[in-house]
Amino acid sequence: MRTVGIIGLGLIGGSMAIDLKKRGFAGKVLGVEADKVAAQAAMTIGLADEMVSLEDCVDRSDIIVVAVPVGAAVKMLPEILDRIKEMPGQAGHDGGGRLGHDVMADPDRPSQKIVIDVCSTKEHICAAVKYHPARKQFVCTHPMAGTEYSGPWAAQPGLFDGRACIFADQEESAPWAVQDILELYSCLNMRPIFMSSSSHDVHTAYVSHISHVTSFALALTVLDKEKDEKHIFDLASGGFSSTVRLAKSNADMWIPILTQNHNNVLQVMDTYIEKMQQFRDAVASYDEDALRKLIEDANKIKRIIR
């Protein structure tokens, strides 16, 4: 059975660890956590069988999952592939050949390690490893699931069930590596979607990144206007709570996402500001017809999201 190493046992990495082990994909889960408190929590919760160093994780794992903020992942991935490249039986190693065991028990599948990431932006990551000798052993993925919470204590079983997982620039990866990772996400009950890294970043700017920016801005607006936090708590309805929920998201994760995808995010923000201005103009001029048209046009989203 496979040994899966997960670097970063937060919401995504930790939730993957739970279900990959529980559902039989991973025989052993190795965890890597730089934060000592988070590392202890991950072990206490039982997210990993063993907490190890980054180097030990790469050396001992068949599949390595990079589940750290995208800014750290861009720097970390080339270093991981560098280490893999120097191992016997791995891509780019002068010795060539195969490892002494075959993880998948399949004579047509090389016994080579696979590295994946689960980050929310893709162009910078793919560019960072594009010409690496071990590039074919890297599969770029983004499981489209999550909550506003972070850390090992946020991990939960079933987080990915029924959700989509994007595979970016899959043609740059070895077919056997893509197949293995398709099996991994199938175990998590996710459906795959294939697209380029650039298309991924455009689409996620519209469906994910702008949602977080909007939530952050709304939270700041309300907190600035309503100084008495008790009133916010007392009057908050389901609509407000659901809209502002994403404002609880971790800054360390979202700062690199928004800066790395800034061109796409800025375009979406400009469009959002334009639509907000249309609403403002209609409200300011008591234009009920304009308001009705804006709202009914927005209602068309029901055709896509139910």
Protein backbone atom coordinates (compact mmCIF):
# COMPACT_ATOMS: atom_id res chain seq x y z
CA MET A 1 0.00 0.00 0.00
CA ARG A 2 1.08 3.53 -0.68
CA THR A 3 2.82 5.81 1.75
CA VAL A 4 1.41 9.32 1.32
CA GLY A 5 3.38 12.27 2.66
CA ILE A 6 1.42 15.44 3.34
CA ILE A 7 3.29 18.69 3.80
CA GLY A 8 0.94 20.96 5.69
CA LEU A 9 -1.75 19.26 7.76
CA GLY A 10 -4.24 22.10 7.78
CA LEU A 11 -7.82 22.06 6.51
CA ILE A 12 -7.04 20.62 3.07
CA GLY A 13 -4.01 18.48 3.89
CA GLY A 14 -5.52 17.19 7.11
CA SER A 15 -8.88 16.37 5.52
CA MET A 16 -7.08 14.50 2.73
CA ALA A 17 -5.11 12.54 5.32
CA ILE A 18 -8.28 11.43 7.11
CA ASP A 19 -10.07 10.07 4.05
CA LEU A 20 -7.06 8.66 2.18
CA LYS A 21 -6.24 6.51 5.18
CA LYS A 22 -9.83 5.69 6.14
CA ARG A 23 -10.81 4.71 2.60
CA GLY A 24 -7.78 2.52 1.99
CA PHE A 25 -5.80 4.57 -0.52
CA ALA A 26 -2.92 5.19 1.89
CA GLY A 27 -1.42 2.50 4.08
CA LYS A 28 0.60 5.11 5.94
CA VAL A 29 0.45 8.90 6.19
CA LEU A 30 3.57 10.89 6.95
CA GLY A 31 3.02 14.47 8.06
CA VAL A 32 5.21 17.56 7.88
CA GLU A 33 4.38 20.63 9.95
CA ALA A 34 6.73 23.54 10.61
CA ASP A 35 4.58 24.86 13.46
CA LYS A 36 5.18 22.80 16.60
CA VAL A 37 1.72 23.45 18.03
CA ALA A 38 0.07 22.41 14.76
CA ALA A 39 2.34 19.35 14.54
CA GLN A 40 1.34 18.24 18.04
CA ALA A 41 -2.33 18.85 17.26
CA ALA A 42 -2.09 16.80 14.06
CA MET A 43 -0.66 13.86 15.98
CA THR A 44 -3.18 14.20 18.80
CA ILE A 45 -6.07 14.27 16.35
CA GLY A 46 -4.57 11.34 14.46
CA LEU A 47 -4.13 12.99 11.07
CA ALA A 48 -0.74 11.34 10.51
CA ASP A 49 0.87 8.09 11.55
CA GLU A 50 4.16 9.89 12.02
CA MET A 51 5.45 13.47 11.90
CA VAL A 52 8.73 13.71 10.01
CA SER A 53 11.09 16.24 8.44
CA LEU A 54 10.49 17.49 4.91
CA GLU A 55 13.49 15.51 3.65
CA ASP A 56 12.33 12.31 5.35
CA CYS A 57 8.85 12.79 3.94
CA VAL A 58 10.15 13.09 0.37
CA ASP A 59 12.49 10.12 0.79
CA ARG A 60 9.89 7.75 2.27
CA SER A 61 6.68 8.70 0.45
CA ASP A 62 5.28 7.32 -2.78
CA ILE A 63 3.01 10.35 -3.24
CA ILE A 64 3.92 13.73 -1.78
CA VAL A 65 1.12 16.27 -1.28
CA VAL A 66 2.17 19.92 -0.96
CA ALA A 67 -0.62 21.56 1.04
CA VAL A 68 1.01 24.82 2.13
CA PRO A 69 0.15 28.42 1.12
CA VAL A 70 0.88 29.04 -2.54
CA GLY A 71 3.72 31.47 -1.82
CA ALA A 72 5.59 28.76 0.06
CA ALA A 73 4.63 26.08 -2.46
CA VAL A 74 6.22 27.96 -5.37
CA LYS A 75 9.57 27.88 -3.55
CA MET A 76 9.16 24.39 -2.10
CA LEU A 77 8.17 22.41 -5.21
CA PRO A 78 11.42 22.87 -7.17
CA GLU A 79 13.37 21.87 -4.06
CA ILE A 80 11.30 18.71 -3.66
CA LEU A 81 11.75 17.81 -7.32
CA ASP A 82 15.49 18.49 -6.97
CA ARG A 83 15.67 15.95 -4.17
CA ILE A 84 13.64 13.41 -6.13
CA LYS A 85 15.82 13.87 -9.20
CA GLU A 86 18.88 12.72 -7.28
CA MET A 87 17.28 9.47 -6.09
CA PRO A 88 18.03 6.20 -7.89
CA GLY A 89 15.24 5.23 -10.25
CA GLN A 90 13.81 8.72 -10.44
CA ALA A 91 13.64 11.13 -13.37
CA GLY A 92 16.92 12.76 -14.31
CA HIS A 93 19.07 10.46 -12.16
CA ASP A 94 22.14 9.17 -13.97
CA GLY A 95 21.57 5.63 -12.67
CA GLY A 96 18.13 5.31 -14.27
CA GLY A 97 16.30 2.05 -13.68
CA ARG A 98 13.52 1.28 -11.27
CA LEU A 99 13.15 1.34 -7.53
CA GLY A 100 13.26 -1.91 -5.61
CA HIS A 101 9.47 -2.02 -5.09
CA ASP A 102 6.49 -1.25 -7.25
CA VAL A 103 3.88 0.74 -5.40
CA MET A 104 1.04 -0.03 -7.76
CA ALA A 105 2.03 -3.67 -8.51
CA ASP A 106 1.73 -2.77 -12.20
CA PRO A 107 4.59 -3.76 -14.55
CA ASP A 108 3.76 -0.89 -16.92
CA ARG A 109 3.97 1.78 -14.22
CA PRO A 110 7.42 3.08 -13.21
CA SER A 111 8.18 3.01 -9.49
CA GLN A 112 8.71 6.72 -9.33
CA LYS A 113 7.47 9.20 -6.79
CA ILE A 114 4.65 11.59 -7.59
CA VAL A 115 4.34 15.13 -6.24
CA ILE A 116 1.09 17.09 -6.25
CA ASP A 117 0.02 20.47 -4.93
CA VAL A 118 -3.43 21.60 -3.84
CA CYS A 119 -3.00 25.37 -4.15
CA SER A 120 -5.56 27.91 -5.36
CA THR A 121 -3.42 29.52 -8.08
CA LYS A 122 -1.57 27.63 -10.78
CA GLU A 123 0.33 29.76 -13.30
CA HIS A 124 3.21 30.65 -10.97
CA ILE A 125 3.53 27.07 -9.73
CA CYS A 126 3.55 25.57 -13.21
CA ALA A 127 6.05 28.16 -14.40
CA ALA A 128 8.35 27.41 -11.44
CA VAL A 129 8.73 23.73 -12.44
CA LYS A 130 8.11 23.87 -16.20
CA TYR A 131 11.65 22.93 -17.24
CA HIS A 132 12.56 20.77 -14.26
CA PRO A 133 13.98 17.32 -15.17
CA ALA A 134 11.44 15.70 -12.84
CA ARG A 135 8.49 17.78 -14.11
CA LYS A 136 6.62 14.71 -15.36
CA GLN A 137 6.43 13.41 -11.81
CA PHE A 138 4.51 16.51 -10.72
CA VAL A 139 0.72 16.73 -11.13
CA CYS A 140 -0.81 20.17 -10.58
CA THR A 141 -4.21 19.95 -8.87
CA HIS A 142 -6.72 22.11 -7.06
CA PRO A 143 -9.48 20.38 -5.09
CA MET A 144 -12.32 22.89 -5.06
CA ALA A 145 -13.39 22.45 -1.47
CA GLY A 146 -12.83 24.19 1.83
CA THR A 147 -14.21 26.20 4.69
CA GLU A 148 -13.27 29.48 6.33
CA TYR A 149 -11.31 27.66 9.02
CA SER A 150 -7.66 26.64 9.05
CA GLY A 151 -5.21 24.47 10.95
CA PRO A 152 -5.24 20.74 11.84
CA TRP A 153 -8.31 21.22 14.06
CA ALA A 154 -10.28 22.31 10.97
CA ALA A 155 -9.70 18.99 9.16
CA GLN A 156 -12.82 16.91 8.62
CA PRO A 157 -13.86 13.70 6.87
CA GLY A 158 -15.91 13.96 3.70
CA LEU A 159 -14.80 17.52 2.89
CA PHE A 160 -14.21 16.69 -0.78
CA ASP A 161 -17.20 14.44 -1.46
CA GLY A 162 -19.04 15.44 -4.63
CA ARG A 163 -16.79 18.42 -5.37
CA ALA A 164 -14.65 19.14 -8.43
CA CYS A 165 -10.88 18.83 -8.63
CA ILE A 166 -9.04 20.79 -11.30
CA PHE A 167 -6.03 19.23 -13.03
CA ALA A 168 -3.95 22.03 -14.56
CA ASP A 169 -1.55 21.51 -17.50
CA GLN A 170 -1.95 17.74 -17.17
CA GLU A 171 -0.21 17.21 -20.51
CA GLU A 172 3.05 18.23 -18.82
CA SER A 173 2.77 15.28 -16.42
CA ALA A 174 3.46 11.60 -17.15
CA PRO A 175 0.22 9.76 -18.04
CA TRP A 176 0.85 7.15 -15.33
CA ALA A 177 1.28 9.92 -12.76
CA VAL A 178 -1.99 11.58 -13.80
CA GLN A 179 -3.74 8.21 -13.62
CA ASP A 180 -2.49 7.57 -10.09
CA ILE A 181 -3.67 10.99 -8.93
CA LEU A 182 -7.03 10.48 -10.62
CA GLU A 183 -7.33 7.38 -8.44
CA LEU A 184 -6.40 9.45 -5.38
CA TYR A 185 -9.14 11.99 -6.04
CA SER A 186 -11.59 9.25 -6.98
CA CYS A 187 -11.02 7.88 -3.48
CA LEU A 188 -12.01 11.33 -2.18
CA ASN A 189 -15.18 11.17 -4.34
CA MET A 190 -14.14 14.14 -6.48
CA ARG A 191 -14.82 14.65 -10.18
CA PRO A 192 -11.88 15.79 -12.34
CA ILE A 193 -11.86 18.85 -14.60
CA PHE A 194 -8.93 19.47 -16.93
CA MET A 195 -7.79 22.93 -18.00
CA SER A 196 -4.70 25.06 -18.51
CA SER A 197 -3.10 26.79 -15.55
CA SER A 198 -3.94 30.19 -17.05
CA SER A 199 -7.62 29.27 -17.50
CA HIS A 200 -7.71 27.95 -13.96
CA ASP A 201 -6.50 31.25 -12.56
CA VAL A 202 -9.07 33.23 -14.56
CA HIS A 203 -11.96 31.00 -13.51
CA THR A 204 -11.00 30.86 -9.83
CA ALA A 205 -10.67 34.64 -9.76
CA TYR A 206 -14.37 34.79 -10.69
CA VAL A 207 -15.78 31.95 -8.60
CA SER A 208 -13.54 32.02 -5.53
CA HIS A 209 -11.11 34.89 -5.17
CA ILE A 210 -13.59 37.74 -5.70
CA SER A 211 -15.93 36.08 -3.18
CA HIS A 212 -13.25 36.34 -0.51
CA VAL A 213 -12.34 39.93 -1.41
CA THR A 214 -16.03 40.88 -1.26
CA SER A 215 -16.44 39.18 2.11
CA PHE A 216 -13.34 40.89 3.51
CA ALA A 217 -14.59 44.28 2.28
CA LEU A 218 -18.09 43.74 3.70
CA ALA A 219 -16.69 42.77 7.08
CA LEU A 220 -14.50 45.88 7.13
CA THR A 221 -17.47 48.05 6.12
CA VAL A 222 -19.71 46.74 8.87
CA LEU A 223 -16.99 46.82 11.52
CA ASP A 224 -16.14 50.40 10.58
CA LYS A 225 -19.75 51.54 10.69
CA GLU A 226 -21.02 49.48 13.60
CA LYS A 227 -18.65 50.02 16.52
CA ASP A 228 -20.84 48.10 18.94
CA GLU A 229 -20.00 44.49 18.14
CA LYS A 230 -22.91 43.28 20.30
CA HIS A 231 -25.38 44.77 17.81
CA ILE A 232 -23.63 42.97 14.93
CA PHE A 233 -23.99 39.69 16.78
CA ASP A 234 -27.61 40.32 17.81
CA LEU A 235 -28.82 41.46 14.39
CA ALA A 236 -26.82 39.14 12.15
CA SER A 237 -29.20 37.02 10.07
CA GLY A 238 -28.49 34.04 7.88
CA GLY A 239 -27.90 36.25 4.85
CA PHE A 240 -25.27 38.38 6.53
CA SER A 241 -23.59 35.42 8.19
CA SER A 242 -23.29 33.46 4.94
CA THR A 243 -22.05 36.50 3.00
CA VAL A 244 -19.40 37.48 5.53
CA ARG A 245 -18.39 33.91 6.45
CA LEU A 246 -15.33 33.97 4.18
CA ALA A 247 -13.96 37.03 6.01
CA LYS A 248 -12.83 34.58 8.71
CA SER A 249 -10.32 33.07 6.25
CA ASN A 250 -6.62 33.02 7.07
CA ALA A 251 -4.52 35.96 5.86
CA ASP A 252 -1.38 33.85 5.42
CA MET A 253 -3.22 31.77 2.84
CA TRP A 254 -5.04 34.54 0.99
CA ILE A 255 -2.35 37.20 0.66
CA PRO A 256 -0.19 35.09 -1.72
CA ILE A 257 -3.28 33.92 -3.64
CA LEU A 258 -4.42 37.49 -4.32
CA THR A 259 -0.94 38.77 -5.13
CA GLN A 260 0.00 35.88 -7.43
CA ASN A 261 -3.31 36.10 -9.29
CA HIS A 262 -3.49 39.87 -9.13
CA ASN A 263 -4.08 40.54 -12.86
CA ASN A 264 -7.16 38.33 -12.97
CA VAL A 265 -8.38 39.45 -9.55
CA LEU A 266 -8.07 43.13 -10.52
CA GLN A 267 -10.14 42.58 -13.67
CA VAL A 268 -12.87 40.88 -11.66
CA MET A 269 -12.74 43.59 -8.99
CA ASP A 270 -13.13 46.28 -11.65
CA THR A 271 -16.21 44.51 -13.02
CA TYR A 272 -17.59 44.10 -9.50
CA ILE A 273 -17.06 47.80 -8.74
CA GLU A 274 -18.83 48.65 -12.01
CA LYS A 275 -21.85 46.55 -11.01
CA MET A 276 -21.83 48.05 -7.52
CA GLN A 277 -21.83 51.52 -9.08
CA GLN A 278 -24.88 50.58 -11.18
CA PHE A 279 -26.70 49.54 -8.02
CA ARG A 280 -25.62 52.76 -6.28
CA ASP A 281 -26.83 54.92 -9.15
CA ALA A 282 -30.21 53.17 -9.22
CA VAL A 283 -30.68 53.52 -5.47
CA ALA A 284 -29.56 57.17 -5.51
CA SER A 285 -32.04 58.08 -8.25
CA TYR A 286 -34.95 56.03 -6.87
CA ASP A 287 -34.93 54.16 -10.17
CA GLU A 288 -37.06 51.11 -9.39
CA ASP A 289 -37.02 49.87 -12.97
CA ALA A 290 -33.21 49.84 -13.03
CA LEU A 291 -33.10 48.08 -9.67
CA ARG A 292 -35.59 45.46 -10.85
CA LYS A 293 -33.57 44.77 -13.99
CA LEU A 294 -30.31 44.43 -12.02
CA ILE A 295 -31.87 42.07 -9.50
CA GLU A 296 -33.67 39.97 -12.11
CA ASP A 297 -30.50 39.74 -14.20
CA ALA A 298 -28.68 38.57 -11.09
CA ASN A 299 -31.41 35.98 -10.46
CA LYS A 300 -30.25 34.16 -13.60
CA ILE A 301 -27.47 32.68 -11.47
CA LYS A 302 -30.14 30.21 -10.31
CA ARG A 303 -29.75 28.45 -13.65
CA ILE A 304 -26.17 27.60 -12.73
CA ILE A 305 -26.18 27.34 -8.92
CA ARG A 306 -29.15 25.85 -7.11
